[in-house]
Amino acid sequence: MKLSRVLAATAGVALVGTSAFAFVAPASAADITAPAAPFPAETNPYAAGWFTGSGSIGASGTDAVYGLSLASPPGVNNTYQVLNGTPITGDLTSLVEDARVYVTRGVATFQIPVFGEPGQTDQEFTTLRPADATVPGAPFIAASAPWITSGAIGTYAAGSTATLAEFETALSAGVPYQILAFGAAVGNGQSGSISQIYFAGNTHLFRAGITGTQSATTVSRAQSVNPGITFNVTGLVPNEPIVISGSSANGSGIISQGDLFADATGNFRYTYTSSAAVPADLGVNDFFFFGEYSGFSTTFAVTITEDVAVAAVPTRAQLAATGTDLTGGVVAGGLLLLVGAGFAFVATRRRLGNQA
């Protein structure tokens, strides 16, 4: 829909963006469904798939609603981590700037184990993590924010803080570094759940997506005003914020963000109504529903048609007008009959008089 039409057709809802799909992870080369946790133990070399990091203290499991769930008991050195050792190429900063981690509850910290100077006598192994954990509704990972290195890198001691680009520069000295894996961790009394991780072109799914139904697939413009189109979305995270976007051949825009939420069971019902003053665009209109915690989305297509013209019904005055000639003819005919009868009566009287 045109942005102006989205504004006019949705009373009380503010336009908050210029792209209908601004909140969606980039196009994924593949959607990979992860196995149920707990994952197998770490091996050397790393397995090409999900595994539990060595030394993990805590527990993990897969929840149908919240996804991969991690927990670690209180303790300064306690950490529970999961990793994926599928080979990855590319530079760290670019990969991280394009990554998404959708935390559905609690917290979780993204992590990347890296070999610096691989195969050399002075090789350096470290795990890089953002200084701040990821929370629900904030899936982006800032490469320019502070990161922490678990091991020594060049002039950086273990536990040092720097930007990812600065760590990458240190790792790039000499033989090119090697990315060993990626994943997430919790520590020191933390717990969190993750629905999906997008990294290096692939989306790793830890729970099923969302689905929904719609009250109609084709409506007239008048029907889009009243009763409108009702959408029912299921499978969302309980109470998660919903972003609704609209798109047609004339443009796209955010219909609502920040004021609509799934209910406590993860369901969401929404009725869209357009305006008689600014009608919905004709043709296919896509309605896009996005869960800000889960990162899942579903799209409904609705075809808007022209209103059907209704033939005018003749009024009573028109019927009287068309019947005027007929009525006049009947009256005139009656008068002629009466006149004729009068002449016949007079003629009869005359004949009777003559006979007398």
Protein backbone atom coordinates (compact mmCIF):
# COMPACT_ATOMS: atom_id res chain seq x y z
CA MET A 1 0.00 0.00 0.00
CA LYS A 2 1.03 3.59 -0.41
CA LEU A 3 2.34 5.01 2.82
CA SER A 4 -0.32 7.73 2.78
CA ARG A 5 -3.01 5.11 2.39
CA VAL A 6 -1.63 3.06 5.24
CA LEU A 7 -1.89 6.13 7.46
CA ALA A 8 -5.38 7.05 6.35
CA ALA A 9 -6.74 3.53 6.43
CA THR A 10 -5.52 2.65 9.92
CA ALA A 11 -6.93 5.02 12.50
CA GLY A 12 -4.80 5.56 15.58
CA VAL A 13 -1.78 3.71 14.18
CA ALA A 14 1.46 5.50 13.40
CA LEU A 15 3.71 4.85 10.45
CA VAL A 16 7.12 4.00 11.86
CA GLY A 17 9.19 2.88 8.92
CA THR A 18 9.60 3.07 5.18
CA SER A 19 10.16 -0.60 4.42
CA ALA A 20 7.61 -3.32 4.97
CA PHE A 21 10.36 -5.81 5.66
CA ALA A 22 12.89 -3.77 7.64
CA PHE A 23 12.80 -6.16 10.60
CA VAL A 24 13.36 -9.42 8.75
CA ALA A 25 16.61 -11.34 8.65
CA PRO A 26 18.35 -11.28 5.25
CA ALA A 27 17.40 -13.88 2.67
CA SER A 28 18.71 -17.21 3.89
CA ALA A 29 20.64 -19.60 1.66
CA ALA A 30 19.09 -22.41 3.70
CA ASP A 31 16.81 -22.91 6.67
CA ILE A 32 18.42 -25.58 8.83
CA THR A 33 16.36 -27.21 11.56
CA ALA A 34 18.58 -27.98 14.52
CA PRO A 35 18.20 -31.27 16.41
CA ALA A 36 16.63 -31.25 19.84
CA ALA A 37 18.95 -30.28 22.70
CA PRO A 38 20.96 -31.32 24.61
CA PHE A 39 23.44 -31.60 21.76
CA PRO A 40 26.30 -34.12 21.54
CA ALA A 41 29.52 -33.40 23.38
CA GLU A 42 32.36 -31.44 21.78
CA THR A 43 34.89 -33.38 19.72
CA ASN A 44 38.34 -32.53 18.33
CA PRO A 45 38.22 -31.34 15.61
CA TYR A 46 34.83 -29.66 15.94
CA ALA A 47 31.87 -31.49 14.42
CA ALA A 48 30.07 -29.92 11.45
CA GLY A 49 26.83 -29.34 13.32
CA TRP A 50 25.57 -28.40 16.77
CA PHE A 51 27.34 -29.66 19.89
CA THR A 52 27.74 -28.75 23.56
CA GLY A 53 30.97 -26.93 24.37
CA SER A 54 33.43 -28.73 26.63
CA GLY A 55 33.39 -27.71 30.27
CA SER A 56 29.75 -26.56 30.08
CA ILE A 57 28.08 -26.36 33.48
CA GLY A 58 24.29 -26.24 33.44
CA ALA A 59 21.63 -27.66 31.21
CA SER A 60 19.96 -27.26 27.83
CA GLY A 61 16.81 -28.42 26.14
CA THR A 62 14.44 -27.59 23.29
CA ASP A 63 11.17 -25.90 24.12
CA ALA A 64 8.38 -25.96 21.51
CA VAL A 65 7.38 -22.37 22.34
CA TYR A 66 10.65 -20.62 23.20
CA GLY A 67 13.21 -22.70 21.29
CA LEU A 68 16.71 -23.70 22.41
CA SER A 69 16.87 -23.11 26.17
CA LEU A 70 20.17 -22.74 28.05
CA ALA A 71 20.84 -22.30 31.77
CA SER A 72 23.96 -22.13 33.93
CA PRO A 73 24.00 -21.98 37.75
CA PRO A 74 25.60 -19.08 39.65
CA GLY A 75 29.38 -19.15 39.67
CA VAL A 76 31.99 -16.81 38.19
CA ASN A 77 33.45 -19.51 35.94
CA ASN A 78 30.20 -21.29 35.13
CA THR A 79 29.23 -21.27 31.47
CA TYR A 80 26.97 -23.37 29.32
CA GLN A 81 27.67 -23.05 25.61
CA VAL A 82 26.48 -24.55 22.34
CA LEU A 83 28.45 -24.34 19.10
CA ASN A 84 28.15 -25.21 15.42
CA GLY A 85 31.35 -26.32 13.71
CA THR A 86 30.17 -26.09 10.09
CA PRO A 87 33.11 -24.61 8.10
CA ILE A 88 32.76 -20.86 7.51
CA THR A 89 34.72 -18.47 5.35
CA GLY A 90 34.64 -14.69 5.28
CA ASP A 91 35.79 -11.82 7.45
CA LEU A 92 34.56 -11.61 11.02
CA THR A 93 33.25 -8.07 10.98
CA SER A 94 31.10 -8.49 7.86
CA LEU A 95 29.69 -11.81 9.04
CA VAL A 96 28.74 -10.41 12.45
CA GLU A 97 27.20 -7.23 11.06
CA ASP A 98 24.88 -9.43 9.00
CA ALA A 99 24.06 -11.86 11.84
CA ARG A 100 20.88 -12.12 13.94
CA VAL A 101 20.24 -13.92 17.23
CA TYR A 102 16.56 -14.05 18.20
CA VAL A 103 16.35 -14.43 21.98
CA THR A 104 12.79 -15.20 23.08
CA ARG A 105 13.32 -14.89 26.86
CA GLY A 106 16.18 -14.25 29.26
CA VAL A 107 19.59 -13.52 27.74
CA ALA A 108 22.17 -15.26 25.56
CA THR A 109 25.58 -14.22 24.29
CA PHE A 110 26.74 -14.84 20.73
CA GLN A 111 30.25 -16.31 20.39
CA ILE A 112 32.84 -17.18 17.74
CA PRO A 113 35.85 -19.44 18.43
CA VAL A 114 38.80 -18.43 16.23
CA PHE A 115 42.32 -19.71 15.48
CA GLY A 116 44.90 -17.00 14.95
CA GLU A 117 48.06 -18.07 13.10
CA PRO A 118 46.63 -21.57 12.41
CA GLY A 119 49.29 -24.24 11.92
CA GLN A 120 52.06 -22.03 13.27
CA THR A 121 54.04 -22.53 16.42
CA ASP A 122 52.62 -19.28 17.80
CA GLN A 123 49.01 -20.07 16.95
CA GLU A 124 46.42 -18.28 19.05
CA PHE A 125 43.08 -19.74 20.08
CA THR A 126 40.32 -17.53 21.44
CA THR A 127 36.58 -17.21 21.70
CA LEU A 128 35.23 -13.76 20.91
CA ARG A 129 31.99 -12.60 22.56
CA PRO A 130 30.14 -9.26 22.69
CA ALA A 131 30.49 -7.60 26.08
CA ASP A 132 26.70 -7.25 26.26
CA ALA A 133 24.36 -10.20 26.01
CA THR A 134 21.51 -10.31 23.49
CA VAL A 135 18.00 -9.75 24.86
CA PRO A 136 14.50 -10.25 23.36
CA GLY A 137 13.63 -7.79 20.63
CA ALA A 138 17.27 -6.85 19.87
CA PRO A 139 18.62 -9.51 17.49
CA PHE A 140 21.34 -7.43 15.83
CA ILE A 141 24.93 -7.86 17.03
CA ALA A 142 27.03 -4.70 16.94
CA ALA A 143 30.55 -5.32 15.65
CA SER A 144 31.51 -1.78 16.65
CA ALA A 145 30.46 -2.29 20.29
CA PRO A 146 32.91 -3.70 22.87
CA TRP A 147 33.85 -7.36 22.52
CA ILE A 148 35.84 -9.59 24.89
CA THR A 149 38.55 -12.11 23.97
CA SER A 150 38.89 -15.25 26.09
CA GLY A 151 42.50 -15.78 25.02
CA ALA A 152 45.53 -13.62 24.25
CA ILE A 153 45.64 -12.10 20.73
CA GLY A 154 48.76 -10.19 19.73
CA THR A 155 49.04 -7.35 22.23
CA TYR A 156 45.60 -8.09 23.73
CA ALA A 157 45.68 -10.10 26.94
CA ALA A 158 42.99 -12.66 27.76
CA GLY A 159 39.89 -10.85 28.98
CA SER A 160 40.72 -7.65 27.07
CA THR A 161 38.00 -5.53 25.49
CA ALA A 162 38.08 -4.02 22.00
CA THR A 163 35.90 -3.71 18.93
CA LEU A 164 35.57 -6.75 16.71
CA ALA A 165 37.43 -4.94 13.94
CA GLU A 166 40.36 -4.31 16.29
CA PHE A 167 40.50 -7.96 17.30
CA GLU A 168 40.23 -8.96 13.65
CA THR A 169 43.21 -6.75 12.78
CA ALA A 170 45.28 -8.46 15.48
CA LEU A 171 44.20 -11.90 14.26
CA SER A 172 45.05 -10.99 10.66
CA ALA A 173 48.75 -10.44 11.35
CA GLY A 174 50.71 -13.19 9.58
CA VAL A 175 48.80 -16.31 8.50
CA PRO A 176 45.07 -15.61 7.98
CA TYR A 177 42.89 -16.56 10.92
CA GLN A 178 40.41 -19.43 10.82
CA ILE A 179 36.82 -19.27 12.07
CA LEU A 180 36.23 -22.53 13.92
CA ALA A 181 32.57 -22.26 14.90
CA PHE A 182 29.77 -19.98 16.08
CA GLY A 183 27.10 -20.31 18.72
CA ALA A 184 25.74 -18.95 21.98
CA ALA A 185 26.40 -19.15 25.70
CA VAL A 186 24.99 -18.26 29.11
CA GLY A 187 26.94 -18.00 32.36
CA ASN A 188 26.96 -17.27 36.07
CA GLY A 189 23.30 -17.81 36.87
CA GLN A 190 21.98 -16.75 33.47
CA SER A 191 19.34 -18.48 31.40
CA GLY A 192 17.84 -17.78 28.02
CA SER A 193 16.07 -19.22 25.01
CA ILE A 194 16.76 -18.78 21.29
CA SER A 195 14.32 -19.35 18.43
CA GLN A 196 16.80 -18.94 15.57
CA ILE A 197 20.29 -17.77 14.64
CA TYR A 198 21.12 -16.32 11.24
CA PHE A 199 24.84 -16.48 10.43
CA ALA A 200 26.98 -16.83 7.30
CA GLY A 201 23.98 -17.01 4.99
CA ASN A 202 22.05 -19.74 6.82
CA THR A 203 19.21 -19.65 9.34
CA HIS A 204 19.42 -22.23 12.12
CA LEU A 205 15.96 -22.94 13.55
CA PHE A 206 15.36 -24.16 17.11
CA ARG A 207 11.53 -24.24 16.96
CA ALA A 208 8.76 -24.22 14.38
CA GLY A 209 7.61 -21.01 12.73
CA ILE A 210 4.24 -19.26 12.90
CA THR A 211 1.08 -19.88 10.89
CA GLY A 212 -2.31 -18.26 10.49
CA THR A 213 -5.67 -17.97 8.78
CA GLN A 214 -7.60 -15.12 7.17
CA SER A 215 -11.32 -14.40 6.90
CA ALA A 216 -11.17 -13.82 3.13
CA THR A 217 -8.75 -13.93 0.21
CA THR A 218 -10.78 -11.66 -2.10
CA VAL A 219 -12.92 -8.69 -1.03
CA SER A 220 -14.40 -5.65 -2.71
CA ARG A 221 -13.33 -2.16 -1.73
CA ALA A 222 -16.58 -1.73 0.18
CA GLN A 223 -15.97 -4.98 2.06
CA SER A 224 -12.45 -3.83 2.97
CA VAL A 225 -14.11 -0.91 4.77
CA ASN A 226 -16.78 -3.03 6.44
CA PRO A 227 -16.41 -5.72 7.73
CA GLY A 228 -12.70 -5.63 6.78
CA ILE A 229 -10.33 -8.62 6.79
CA THR A 230 -9.54 -10.55 9.97
CA PHE A 231 -6.24 -12.38 10.43
CA ASN A 232 -5.48 -15.00 13.10
CA VAL A 233 -1.79 -15.75 13.74
CA THR A 234 -0.70 -18.69 15.91
CA GLY A 235 2.60 -20.05 17.22
CA LEU A 236 4.02 -16.74 18.43
CA VAL A 237 5.99 -16.31 21.62
CA PRO A 238 3.61 -15.37 24.45
CA ASN A 239 3.21 -11.59 24.74
CA GLU A 240 5.77 -10.81 22.04
CA PRO A 241 5.43 -7.51 20.11
CA ILE A 242 4.04 -7.76 16.59
CA VAL A 243 5.03 -5.66 13.58
CA ILE A 244 2.40 -5.48 10.81
CA SER A 245 3.35 -4.28 7.34
CA GLY A 246 1.34 -3.76 4.18
CA SER A 247 2.52 -4.00 0.60
CA SER A 248 0.91 -3.60 -2.82
CA ALA A 249 1.98 -2.62 -6.33
CA ASN A 250 1.89 1.03 -5.23
CA GLY A 251 4.36 0.73 -2.36
CA SER A 252 4.80 -0.57 1.17
CA GLY A 253 4.88 0.64 4.74
CA ILE A 254 4.60 -0.25 8.41
CA ILE A 255 0.99 -0.45 9.57
CA SER A 256 1.78 -0.98 13.25
CA GLN A 257 4.80 -1.44 15.49
CA GLY A 258 5.13 -1.27 19.24
CA ASP A 259 1.48 -1.26 20.29
CA LEU A 260 0.27 -4.77 19.37
CA PHE A 261 1.20 -7.98 21.19
CA ALA A 262 0.49 -11.71 21.08
CA ASP A 263 -1.64 -12.98 23.93
CA ALA A 264 -0.43 -15.21 26.76
CA THR A 265 -0.90 -18.32 24.59
CA GLY A 266 1.01 -16.96 21.58
CA ASN A 267 -2.05 -16.14 19.48
CA PHE A 268 -2.82 -12.85 17.76
CA ARG A 269 -6.01 -11.59 16.10
CA TYR A 270 -6.15 -8.48 13.96
CA THR A 271 -8.85 -6.94 11.76
CA TYR A 272 -7.75 -4.59 9.00
CA THR A 273 -10.23 -2.00 7.72
CA SER A 274 -9.56 0.52 5.00
CA SER A 275 -11.19 3.94 4.63
CA ALA A 276 -14.02 5.02 2.34
CA ALA A 277 -12.23 8.35 1.89
CA VAL A 278 -8.93 6.71 0.94
CA PRO A 279 -9.79 3.21 -0.35
CA ALA A 280 -7.49 0.22 -0.40
CA ASP A 281 -5.38 -0.36 -3.50
CA LEU A 282 -6.94 -2.60 -6.12
CA GLY A 283 -5.20 -5.88 -6.85
CA VAL A 284 -3.11 -8.05 -4.53
CA ASN A 285 -2.34 -6.57 -1.12
CA ASP A 286 0.11 -8.45 1.12
CA PHE A 287 -0.21 -8.25 4.90
CA PHE A 288 2.97 -9.20 6.69
CA PHE A 289 3.04 -10.21 10.39
CA PHE A 290 6.40 -10.37 12.18
CA GLY A 291 7.18 -11.47 15.77
CA GLU A 292 9.95 -9.28 17.20
CA TYR A 293 11.11 -11.90 19.74
CA SER A 294 10.86 -15.07 17.66
CA GLY A 295 11.93 -13.49 14.38
CA PHE A 296 9.30 -15.52 12.54
CA SER A 297 6.86 -14.08 10.04
CA THR A 298 3.87 -15.02 7.93
CA THR A 299 2.28 -13.26 4.95
CA PHE A 300 -1.36 -13.13 3.87
CA ALA A 301 -2.41 -12.12 0.36
CA VAL A 302 -5.75 -10.35 -0.15
CA THR A 303 -7.09 -9.34 -3.57
CA ILE A 304 -9.10 -6.09 -3.55
CA THR A 305 -11.66 -5.73 -6.36
CA GLU A 306 -13.86 -2.89 -7.60
CA ASP A 307 -17.32 -2.63 -6.06
CA VAL A 308 -20.05 -4.21 -8.23
CA ALA A 309 -22.38 -1.58 -9.74
CA VAL A 310 -26.09 -2.05 -8.91
CA ALA A 311 -28.69 -1.29 -11.66
CA ALA A 312 -31.06 1.61 -10.84
CA VAL A 313 -34.68 0.64 -10.03
CA PRO A 314 -37.38 2.85 -11.75
CA THR A 315 -39.41 5.02 -9.37
CA ARG A 316 -43.24 5.18 -9.09
CA ALA A 317 -43.35 8.60 -10.81
CA GLN A 318 -41.65 7.10 -13.85
CA LEU A 319 -44.21 4.33 -14.01
CA ALA A 320 -47.09 6.86 -13.89
CA ALA A 321 -45.52 8.90 -16.67
CA THR A 322 -45.18 5.91 -18.97
CA GLY A 323 -48.81 4.97 -18.30
CA THR A 324 -50.33 8.37 -19.14
CA ASP A 325 -51.07 7.63 -22.81
CA LEU A 326 -52.63 4.31 -22.01
CA THR A 327 -54.90 5.79 -19.37
CA GLY A 328 -55.90 8.64 -21.70
CA GLY A 329 -56.75 6.15 -24.43
CA VAL A 330 -58.98 4.15 -22.10
CA VAL A 331 -60.81 7.29 -20.93
CA ALA A 332 -61.23 8.56 -24.48
CA GLY A 333 -62.48 5.17 -25.58
CA GLY A 334 -65.02 5.17 -22.77
CA LEU A 335 -66.25 8.61 -23.72
CA LEU A 336 -66.69 7.55 -27.33
CA LEU A 337 -68.73 4.57 -26.22
CA LEU A 338 -70.94 6.79 -24.09
CA VAL A 339 -71.42 9.25 -26.97
CA GLY A 340 -72.24 6.43 -29.35
CA ALA A 341 -74.78 5.05 -26.89
CA GLY A 342 -76.42 8.50 -26.68
CA PHE A 343 -76.84 8.74 -30.43
CA ALA A 344 -78.35 5.28 -30.52
CA PHE A 345 -80.83 6.21 -27.76
CA VAL A 346 -81.97 9.37 -29.62
CA ALA A 347 -82.37 7.48 -32.90
CA THR A 348 -84.49 4.85 -31.18
CA ARG A 349 -86.74 7.46 -29.58
CA ARG A 350 -87.28 9.08 -33.03
CA ARG A 351 -88.27 5.75 -34.60
CA LEU A 352 -90.70 5.05 -31.78
CA GLY A 353 -92.25 8.57 -32.21
CA ASN A 354 -92.80 8.08 -35.91
CA GLN A 355 -94.53 4.73 -35.30
CA ALA A 356 -96.98 6.42 -32.91
